[in-house]
Amino acid sequence: MAASYQVTSVGHVRGGRQAAVDDDWGRSRARLELDADQFTAAALAGIEAFSHLEVIFLFHRVAETDVETGARRPRGRADWPLVGIFAQRGKARPNRLGLCVCRLVRRDGLALEVEGLDAIDGTPVLDIKPVMRGLLPRGEVREPEWATDLMAGYW
């Protein structure tokens, strides 16, 4: 039996893109603004020492009726294989969770300016973690050809 959990956003994405367009996210700049009712600046103490962050967020504009639980073709392309939702990174996921590694540009109080975040203005941020070399993949990373093709213009 599936368990249910409640998660509260820690803040929101401000600025950057207004729409979730598939490519050219690399130059996108936005601010991650923490909720001042929940946090003080102490929550971000030391974060400036990191070059990159992992941001976990909610694809809040994906309707629950659009969530995919089976297989689909990435981006709906007939020339790419039918693959399960857990074998791709589409936004219509069972829990509508997004994860992105982005560059930390600067900190300003309870806000973080980031570059290369593939989330849009107003997106609820669920968690922020620093990227640490020791937690990056060990060994070779492999992927199918369609995934390499998909990412060609993403950043």
N, C-alpha and C. Protein backbone atom coordinates (compact mmCIF):
# COMPACT_ATOMS: atom_id res chain seq x y z
N MET A 1 0.84 -1.18 0.00
CA MET A 1 0.00 0.00 0.00
C MET A 1 0.89 1.25 0.00
N ALA A 2 0.56 2.19 -0.84
CA ALA A 2 1.34 3.42 -0.96
C ALA A 2 1.14 4.31 0.26
N ALA A 3 2.21 4.92 0.71
CA ALA A 3 2.14 5.86 1.82
C ALA A 3 2.02 7.27 1.28
N SER A 4 1.46 8.14 2.08
CA SER A 4 1.29 9.53 1.69
C SER A 4 2.07 10.41 2.66
N TYR A 5 2.71 11.45 2.15
CA TYR A 5 3.49 12.36 2.97
C TYR A 5 3.14 13.79 2.62
N GLN A 6 3.22 14.66 3.59
CA GLN A 6 2.96 16.07 3.33
C GLN A 6 4.29 16.81 3.31
N VAL A 7 4.47 17.65 2.31
CA VAL A 7 5.69 18.44 2.16
C VAL A 7 5.28 19.90 2.04
N THR A 8 6.02 20.77 2.70
CA THR A 8 5.76 22.20 2.63
C THR A 8 6.91 22.87 1.89
N SER A 9 6.60 23.79 1.01
CA SER A 9 7.66 24.48 0.28
C SER A 9 8.52 25.29 1.24
N VAL A 10 9.79 25.43 0.90
CA VAL A 10 10.71 26.25 1.68
C VAL A 10 10.82 27.65 1.08
N GLY A 11 10.33 27.81 -0.12
CA GLY A 11 10.39 29.10 -0.80
C GLY A 11 9.85 28.96 -2.21
N HIS A 12 10.17 29.95 -3.04
CA HIS A 12 9.68 29.96 -4.42
C HIS A 12 10.74 30.50 -5.38
N VAL A 13 10.61 30.10 -6.63
CA VAL A 13 11.44 30.66 -7.69
C VAL A 13 10.83 32.00 -8.07
N ARG A 14 11.65 33.02 -8.18
CA ARG A 14 11.20 34.35 -8.60
C ARG A 14 12.03 34.77 -9.82
N GLY A 15 11.35 35.22 -10.82
CA GLY A 15 12.03 35.65 -12.03
C GLY A 15 12.37 34.48 -12.92
N GLY A 16 13.25 34.72 -13.86
CA GLY A 16 13.58 33.67 -14.82
C GLY A 16 12.48 33.54 -15.85
N ARG A 17 12.25 32.37 -16.31
CA ARG A 17 11.25 32.12 -17.35
C ARG A 17 9.84 32.11 -16.80
N GLN A 18 8.91 32.50 -17.67
CA GLN A 18 7.49 32.47 -17.33
C GLN A 18 6.83 31.17 -17.79
N ALA A 19 7.45 30.50 -18.77
CA ALA A 19 6.87 29.27 -19.33
C ALA A 19 7.94 28.19 -19.39
N ALA A 20 7.50 26.94 -19.25
CA ALA A 20 8.41 25.79 -19.28
C ALA A 20 8.67 25.38 -20.73
N VAL A 21 9.59 26.05 -21.36
CA VAL A 21 10.00 25.74 -22.73
C VAL A 21 11.15 24.74 -22.64
N ASP A 22 11.16 23.74 -23.53
CA ASP A 22 12.08 22.61 -23.38
C ASP A 22 13.57 22.92 -23.41
N ASP A 23 14.03 23.89 -24.17
CA ASP A 23 15.48 24.06 -24.36
C ASP A 23 15.99 25.43 -23.92
N ASP A 24 17.32 25.57 -24.00
CA ASP A 24 18.04 26.83 -23.71
C ASP A 24 17.88 27.31 -22.26
N TRP A 25 18.00 26.42 -21.31
CA TRP A 25 17.89 26.78 -19.90
C TRP A 25 19.21 27.30 -19.33
N GLY A 26 20.31 27.09 -20.01
CA GLY A 26 21.62 27.40 -19.45
C GLY A 26 21.83 28.84 -19.03
N ARG A 27 21.28 29.78 -19.79
CA ARG A 27 21.46 31.20 -19.47
C ARG A 27 20.36 31.75 -18.57
N SER A 28 19.40 30.93 -18.25
CA SER A 28 18.27 31.39 -17.43
C SER A 28 18.74 31.73 -16.02
N ARG A 29 18.41 32.93 -15.56
CA ARG A 29 18.74 33.35 -14.19
C ARG A 29 17.46 33.56 -13.41
N ALA A 30 17.48 33.17 -12.17
CA ALA A 30 16.32 33.33 -11.29
C ALA A 30 16.80 33.45 -9.86
N ARG A 31 15.86 33.79 -8.97
CA ARG A 31 16.16 33.87 -7.54
C ARG A 31 15.35 32.79 -6.82
N LEU A 32 15.99 32.15 -5.89
CA LEU A 32 15.30 31.24 -4.98
C LEU A 32 15.09 32.04 -3.70
N GLU A 33 13.84 32.36 -3.40
CA GLU A 33 13.54 33.16 -2.21
C GLU A 33 12.95 32.26 -1.14
N LEU A 34 13.68 32.13 -0.02
CA LEU A 34 13.19 31.33 1.10
C LEU A 34 12.06 32.06 1.80
N ASP A 35 11.16 31.32 2.40
CA ASP A 35 10.02 31.84 3.13
C ASP A 35 10.50 32.44 4.46
N ALA A 36 10.35 33.75 4.59
CA ALA A 36 10.82 34.46 5.78
C ALA A 36 10.04 34.08 7.03
N ASP A 37 8.86 33.50 6.89
CA ASP A 37 8.09 33.06 8.05
C ASP A 37 8.65 31.76 8.64
N GLN A 38 9.37 31.01 7.82
CA GLN A 38 9.94 29.73 8.27
C GLN A 38 11.43 29.81 8.60
N PHE A 39 12.14 30.71 7.91
CA PHE A 39 13.61 30.70 7.97
C PHE A 39 14.19 32.06 8.26
N THR A 40 15.39 32.04 8.82
CA THR A 40 16.21 33.24 8.95
C THR A 40 17.41 33.04 8.04
N ALA A 41 18.22 34.05 7.91
CA ALA A 41 19.41 33.97 7.07
C ALA A 41 20.36 32.86 7.54
N ALA A 42 20.25 32.45 8.78
CA ALA A 42 21.09 31.37 9.30
C ALA A 42 20.92 30.07 8.52
N ALA A 43 19.76 29.86 7.92
CA ALA A 43 19.51 28.64 7.15
C ALA A 43 20.41 28.53 5.94
N LEU A 44 20.94 29.65 5.46
CA LEU A 44 21.83 29.66 4.29
C LEU A 44 23.29 29.90 4.65
N ALA A 45 23.60 29.93 5.93
CA ALA A 45 24.98 30.19 6.35
C ALA A 45 25.94 29.20 5.71
N GLY A 46 26.98 29.72 5.07
CA GLY A 46 28.01 28.89 4.45
C GLY A 46 27.71 28.43 3.04
N ILE A 47 26.55 28.71 2.53
CA ILE A 47 26.19 28.20 1.20
C ILE A 47 27.02 28.85 0.10
N GLU A 48 27.53 30.06 0.34
CA GLU A 48 28.34 30.77 -0.66
C GLU A 48 29.62 30.02 -1.01
N ALA A 49 30.05 29.10 -0.16
CA ALA A 49 31.28 28.34 -0.42
C ALA A 49 31.09 27.29 -1.51
N PHE A 50 29.86 27.05 -1.92
CA PHE A 50 29.55 26.05 -2.95
C PHE A 50 29.30 26.74 -4.29
N SER A 51 29.74 26.10 -5.35
CA SER A 51 29.53 26.65 -6.69
C SER A 51 28.18 26.25 -7.27
N HIS A 52 27.65 25.11 -6.86
CA HIS A 52 26.41 24.59 -7.44
C HIS A 52 25.46 24.08 -6.36
N LEU A 53 24.19 24.11 -6.71
CA LEU A 53 23.14 23.65 -5.80
C LEU A 53 22.26 22.63 -6.51
N GLU A 54 21.71 21.72 -5.74
CA GLU A 54 20.64 20.85 -6.22
C GLU A 54 19.34 21.45 -5.68
N VAL A 55 18.42 21.71 -6.58
CA VAL A 55 17.15 22.30 -6.18
C VAL A 55 16.04 21.29 -6.49
N ILE A 56 15.26 20.97 -5.47
CA ILE A 56 14.12 20.07 -5.62
C ILE A 56 12.88 20.96 -5.61
N PHE A 57 12.04 20.79 -6.61
CA PHE A 57 10.89 21.68 -6.75
C PHE A 57 9.67 20.91 -7.24
N LEU A 58 8.54 21.58 -7.22
CA LEU A 58 7.28 20.99 -7.64
C LEU A 58 6.87 21.55 -9.00
N PHE A 59 6.57 20.66 -9.95
CA PHE A 59 6.02 21.09 -11.24
C PHE A 59 4.55 21.46 -10.99
N HIS A 60 4.34 22.62 -10.43
CA HIS A 60 3.02 23.03 -9.94
C HIS A 60 2.00 23.31 -11.03
N ARG A 61 2.44 23.51 -12.25
CA ARG A 61 1.50 23.77 -13.34
C ARG A 61 1.06 22.50 -14.07
N VAL A 62 1.57 21.36 -13.65
CA VAL A 62 1.13 20.10 -14.24
C VAL A 62 -0.10 19.63 -13.48
N ALA A 63 -1.22 19.52 -14.18
CA ALA A 63 -2.46 19.06 -13.55
C ALA A 63 -2.32 17.60 -13.13
N GLU A 64 -2.93 17.24 -12.03
CA GLU A 64 -2.87 15.85 -11.56
C GLU A 64 -3.44 14.90 -12.60
N THR A 65 -4.38 15.36 -13.40
CA THR A 65 -4.97 14.53 -14.45
C THR A 65 -3.99 14.28 -15.60
N ASP A 66 -2.92 15.06 -15.69
CA ASP A 66 -1.92 14.89 -16.75
C ASP A 66 -0.74 14.02 -16.32
N VAL A 67 -0.72 13.60 -15.06
CA VAL A 67 0.39 12.80 -14.54
C VAL A 67 0.44 11.46 -15.27
N GLU A 68 1.65 11.07 -15.66
CA GLU A 68 1.89 9.80 -16.35
C GLU A 68 2.42 8.79 -15.35
N THR A 69 1.87 7.60 -15.37
CA THR A 69 2.35 6.54 -14.48
C THR A 69 2.88 5.34 -15.25
N GLY A 70 2.77 5.38 -16.57
CA GLY A 70 3.23 4.26 -17.39
C GLY A 70 4.41 4.67 -18.26
N ALA A 71 4.26 4.47 -19.54
CA ALA A 71 5.32 4.78 -20.49
C ALA A 71 4.82 5.81 -21.50
N ARG A 72 5.74 6.56 -22.04
CA ARG A 72 5.44 7.52 -23.09
C ARG A 72 6.70 7.78 -23.88
N ARG A 73 6.56 8.46 -24.99
CA ARG A 73 7.72 8.85 -25.79
C ARG A 73 8.19 10.22 -25.31
N PRO A 74 9.47 10.36 -24.95
CA PRO A 74 9.96 11.66 -24.49
C PRO A 74 9.62 12.76 -25.51
N ARG A 75 9.09 13.86 -24.98
CA ARG A 75 8.67 15.01 -25.79
C ARG A 75 7.67 14.64 -26.87
N GLY A 76 7.06 13.46 -26.74
CA GLY A 76 6.07 13.02 -27.71
C GLY A 76 6.63 12.70 -29.09
N ARG A 77 7.92 12.53 -29.18
CA ARG A 77 8.57 12.28 -30.48
C ARG A 77 8.45 10.82 -30.89
N ALA A 78 7.85 10.60 -32.04
CA ALA A 78 7.63 9.24 -32.55
C ALA A 78 8.94 8.53 -32.87
N ASP A 79 10.03 9.28 -33.11
CA ASP A 79 11.31 8.66 -33.45
C ASP A 79 12.11 8.24 -32.21
N TRP A 80 11.60 8.54 -31.04
CA TRP A 80 12.24 8.10 -29.81
C TRP A 80 11.42 6.96 -29.20
N PRO A 81 12.07 6.08 -28.44
CA PRO A 81 11.37 4.89 -27.94
C PRO A 81 10.34 5.21 -26.85
N LEU A 82 9.41 4.30 -26.70
CA LEU A 82 8.45 4.34 -25.62
C LEU A 82 9.20 3.90 -24.36
N VAL A 83 9.28 4.78 -23.36
CA VAL A 83 10.00 4.45 -22.12
C VAL A 83 9.16 4.82 -20.91
N GLY A 84 9.37 4.10 -19.84
CA GLY A 84 8.63 4.34 -18.60
C GLY A 84 8.92 5.71 -18.01
N ILE A 85 7.98 6.23 -17.28
CA ILE A 85 8.12 7.56 -16.69
C ILE A 85 9.34 7.65 -15.78
N PHE A 86 9.75 6.54 -15.16
CA PHE A 86 10.93 6.57 -14.29
C PHE A 86 12.23 6.41 -15.07
N ALA A 87 12.14 6.23 -16.39
CA ALA A 87 13.33 6.14 -17.25
C ALA A 87 13.49 7.43 -18.06
N GLN A 88 12.86 8.50 -17.60
CA GLN A 88 12.98 9.80 -18.26
C GLN A 88 12.77 10.89 -17.21
N ARG A 89 12.93 12.14 -17.61
CA ARG A 89 12.87 13.24 -16.65
C ARG A 89 11.74 14.21 -16.95
N GLY A 90 10.69 13.75 -17.61
CA GLY A 90 9.55 14.60 -17.93
C GLY A 90 8.87 15.16 -16.69
N LYS A 91 8.15 16.26 -16.87
CA LYS A 91 7.53 16.94 -15.73
C LYS A 91 6.21 16.32 -15.26
N ALA A 92 5.56 15.52 -16.08
CA ALA A 92 4.28 14.92 -15.70
C ALA A 92 4.51 13.61 -14.94
N ARG A 93 5.32 13.69 -13.91
CA ARG A 93 5.73 12.54 -13.12
C ARG A 93 4.71 12.24 -12.02
N PRO A 94 4.74 11.05 -11.44
CA PRO A 94 3.76 10.70 -10.40
C PRO A 94 3.67 11.71 -9.25
N ASN A 95 4.78 12.22 -8.76
CA ASN A 95 4.72 13.20 -7.67
C ASN A 95 5.04 14.61 -8.15
N ARG A 96 5.19 14.79 -9.45
CA ARG A 96 5.46 16.10 -10.08
C ARG A 96 6.68 16.79 -9.48
N LEU A 97 7.70 16.00 -9.10
CA LEU A 97 8.91 16.57 -8.52
C LEU A 97 9.96 16.81 -9.60
N GLY A 98 10.60 17.97 -9.51
CA GLY A 98 11.71 18.30 -10.38
C GLY A 98 12.99 18.38 -9.57
N LEU A 99 14.10 18.12 -10.22
CA LEU A 99 15.42 18.19 -9.59
C LEU A 99 16.37 18.78 -10.60
N CYS A 100 17.12 19.79 -10.20
CA CYS A 100 18.06 20.43 -11.12
C CYS A 100 19.32 20.83 -10.38
N VAL A 101 20.46 20.62 -11.02
CA VAL A 101 21.72 21.15 -10.52
C VAL A 101 21.92 22.48 -11.25
N CYS A 102 22.09 23.55 -10.48
CA CYS A 102 22.29 24.87 -11.07
C CYS A 102 23.47 25.56 -10.40
N ARG A 103 23.95 26.61 -11.05
CA ARG A 103 25.10 27.35 -10.53
C ARG A 103 24.62 28.43 -9.57
N LEU A 104 25.27 28.50 -8.40
CA LEU A 104 24.99 29.57 -7.44
C LEU A 104 25.78 30.80 -7.86
N VAL A 105 25.08 31.88 -8.16
CA VAL A 105 25.73 33.12 -8.57
C VAL A 105 26.05 33.97 -7.36
N ARG A 106 25.07 34.15 -6.48
CA ARG A 106 25.30 34.92 -5.25
C ARG A 106 24.15 34.73 -4.28
N ARG A 107 24.43 35.08 -3.04
CA ARG A 107 23.43 35.04 -1.97
C ARG A 107 23.12 36.46 -1.55
N ASP A 108 21.86 36.72 -1.25
CA ASP A 108 21.42 38.03 -0.78
C ASP A 108 20.38 37.79 0.32
N GLY A 109 20.82 37.72 1.56
CA GLY A 109 19.91 37.47 2.67
C GLY A 109 19.27 36.10 2.56
N LEU A 110 17.95 36.08 2.36
CA LEU A 110 17.21 34.82 2.22
C LEU A 110 17.01 34.43 0.77
N ALA A 111 17.74 35.06 -0.14
CA ALA A 111 17.58 34.77 -1.56
C ALA A 111 18.90 34.30 -2.17
N LEU A 112 18.76 33.39 -3.13
CA LEU A 112 19.91 32.88 -3.86
C LEU A 112 19.70 33.14 -5.33
N GLU A 113 20.63 33.82 -5.96
CA GLU A 113 20.56 34.00 -7.41
C GLU A 113 21.24 32.80 -8.04
N VAL A 114 20.54 32.16 -8.97
CA VAL A 114 21.07 30.94 -9.60
C VAL A 114 20.99 31.06 -11.11
N GLU A 115 21.80 30.26 -11.76
CA GLU A 115 21.81 30.22 -13.23
C GLU A 115 21.67 28.78 -13.67
N GLY A 116 20.83 28.57 -14.71
CA GLY A 116 20.65 27.23 -15.24
C GLY A 116 19.64 26.39 -14.50
N LEU A 117 18.72 27.03 -13.79
CA LEU A 117 17.64 26.31 -13.11
C LEU A 117 16.50 26.12 -14.09
N ASP A 118 16.09 24.89 -14.31
CA ASP A 118 15.00 24.63 -15.26
C ASP A 118 13.64 24.59 -14.57
N ALA A 119 13.35 25.65 -13.84
CA ALA A 119 12.06 25.85 -13.19
C ALA A 119 11.61 27.27 -13.53
N ILE A 120 10.30 27.49 -13.50
CA ILE A 120 9.76 28.77 -13.92
C ILE A 120 9.37 29.67 -12.74
N ASP A 121 9.13 30.92 -13.03
CA ASP A 121 8.72 31.89 -12.03
C ASP A 121 7.49 31.38 -11.26
N GLY A 122 7.56 31.45 -9.94
CA GLY A 122 6.45 31.00 -9.10
C GLY A 122 6.53 29.56 -8.65
N THR A 123 7.49 28.81 -9.16
CA THR A 123 7.63 27.39 -8.80
C THR A 123 7.93 27.23 -7.31
N PRO A 124 7.18 26.36 -6.61
CA PRO A 124 7.48 26.07 -5.22
C PRO A 124 8.80 25.28 -5.10
N VAL A 125 9.68 25.76 -4.24
CA VAL A 125 10.95 25.08 -3.97
C VAL A 125 10.75 24.23 -2.73
N LEU A 126 11.07 22.92 -2.83
CA LEU A 126 10.86 22.00 -1.72
C LEU A 126 12.12 21.78 -0.89
N ASP A 127 13.29 21.90 -1.52
CA ASP A 127 14.54 21.74 -0.79
C ASP A 127 15.69 22.26 -1.64
N ILE A 128 16.77 22.62 -0.98
CA ILE A 128 17.99 23.09 -1.62
C ILE A 128 19.14 22.37 -0.94
N LYS A 129 20.02 21.79 -1.76
CA LYS A 129 21.18 21.10 -1.21
C LYS A 129 22.43 21.53 -1.98
N PRO A 130 23.57 21.63 -1.30
CA PRO A 130 24.81 21.95 -2.02
C PRO A 130 25.29 20.73 -2.80
N VAL A 131 25.89 20.97 -3.94
CA VAL A 131 26.50 19.88 -4.70
C VAL A 131 27.89 19.63 -4.11
N MET A 132 28.14 18.38 -3.79
CA MET A 132 29.44 17.97 -3.24
C MET A 132 30.05 16.92 -4.14
N ARG A 133 31.32 17.11 -4.48
CA ARG A 133 32.01 16.16 -5.37
C ARG A 133 31.87 14.72 -4.91
N GLY A 134 31.96 14.51 -3.61
CA GLY A 134 31.90 13.16 -3.07
C GLY A 134 30.57 12.46 -3.28
N LEU A 135 29.53 13.22 -3.63
CA LEU A 135 28.22 12.63 -3.87
C LEU A 135 27.87 12.55 -5.35
N LEU A 136 28.78 12.98 -6.20
CA LEU A 136 28.55 12.86 -7.64
C LEU A 136 28.70 11.40 -8.04
N PRO A 137 28.18 11.02 -9.20
CA PRO A 137 28.28 9.61 -9.61
C PRO A 137 29.72 9.12 -9.65
N ARG A 138 29.91 7.90 -9.20
CA ARG A 138 31.21 7.25 -9.26
C ARG A 138 31.20 6.34 -10.48
N GLY A 139 32.28 6.34 -11.22
CA GLY A 139 32.35 5.49 -12.40
C GLY A 139 31.68 6.14 -13.61
N GLU A 140 31.58 5.35 -14.65
CA GLU A 140 31.02 5.82 -15.92
C GLU A 140 29.51 6.05 -15.81
N VAL A 141 29.05 7.12 -16.43
CA VAL A 141 27.62 7.38 -16.53
C VAL A 141 27.22 7.04 -17.96
N ARG A 142 26.21 6.17 -18.10
CA ARG A 142 25.78 5.80 -19.45
C ARG A 142 24.32 6.20 -19.63
N GLU A 143 23.94 6.40 -20.89
CA GLU A 143 22.57 6.76 -21.22
C GLU A 143 22.28 6.34 -22.65
N PRO A 144 21.01 6.15 -22.99
CA PRO A 144 20.67 5.78 -24.37
C PRO A 144 20.86 6.98 -25.31
N GLU A 145 20.96 6.69 -26.58
CA GLU A 145 21.20 7.73 -27.59
C GLU A 145 20.10 8.79 -27.59
N TRP A 146 18.83 8.39 -27.40
CA TRP A 146 17.75 9.38 -27.42
C TRP A 146 17.93 10.42 -26.32
N ALA A 147 18.47 10.02 -25.16
CA ALA A 147 18.67 10.94 -24.05
C ALA A 147 19.77 11.96 -24.38
N THR A 148 20.82 11.50 -25.05
CA THR A 148 21.88 12.40 -25.49
C THR A 148 21.31 13.40 -26.50
N ASP A 149 20.50 12.93 -27.42
CA ASP A 149 19.86 13.80 -28.41
C ASP A 149 18.93 14.81 -27.74
N LEU A 150 18.15 14.37 -26.77
CA LEU A 150 17.22 15.23 -26.07
C LEU A 150 17.96 16.39 -25.40
N MET A 151 19.11 16.13 -24.81
CA MET A 151 19.84 17.14 -24.06
C MET A 151 20.70 18.05 -24.92
N ALA A 152 20.80 17.79 -26.22
CA ALA A 152 21.68 18.57 -27.10
C ALA A 152 21.46 20.07 -27.02
N GLY A 153 20.23 20.53 -26.93
CA GLY A 153 19.96 21.95 -26.85
C GLY A 153 19.37 22.41 -25.54
N TYR A 154 19.37 21.53 -24.54
CA TYR A 154 18.72 21.83 -23.27
C TYR A 154 19.38 22.98 -22.53
N TRP A 155 20.70 22.97 -22.46
CA TRP A 155 21.41 24.02 -21.74
C TRP A 155 21.88 25.08 -22.71
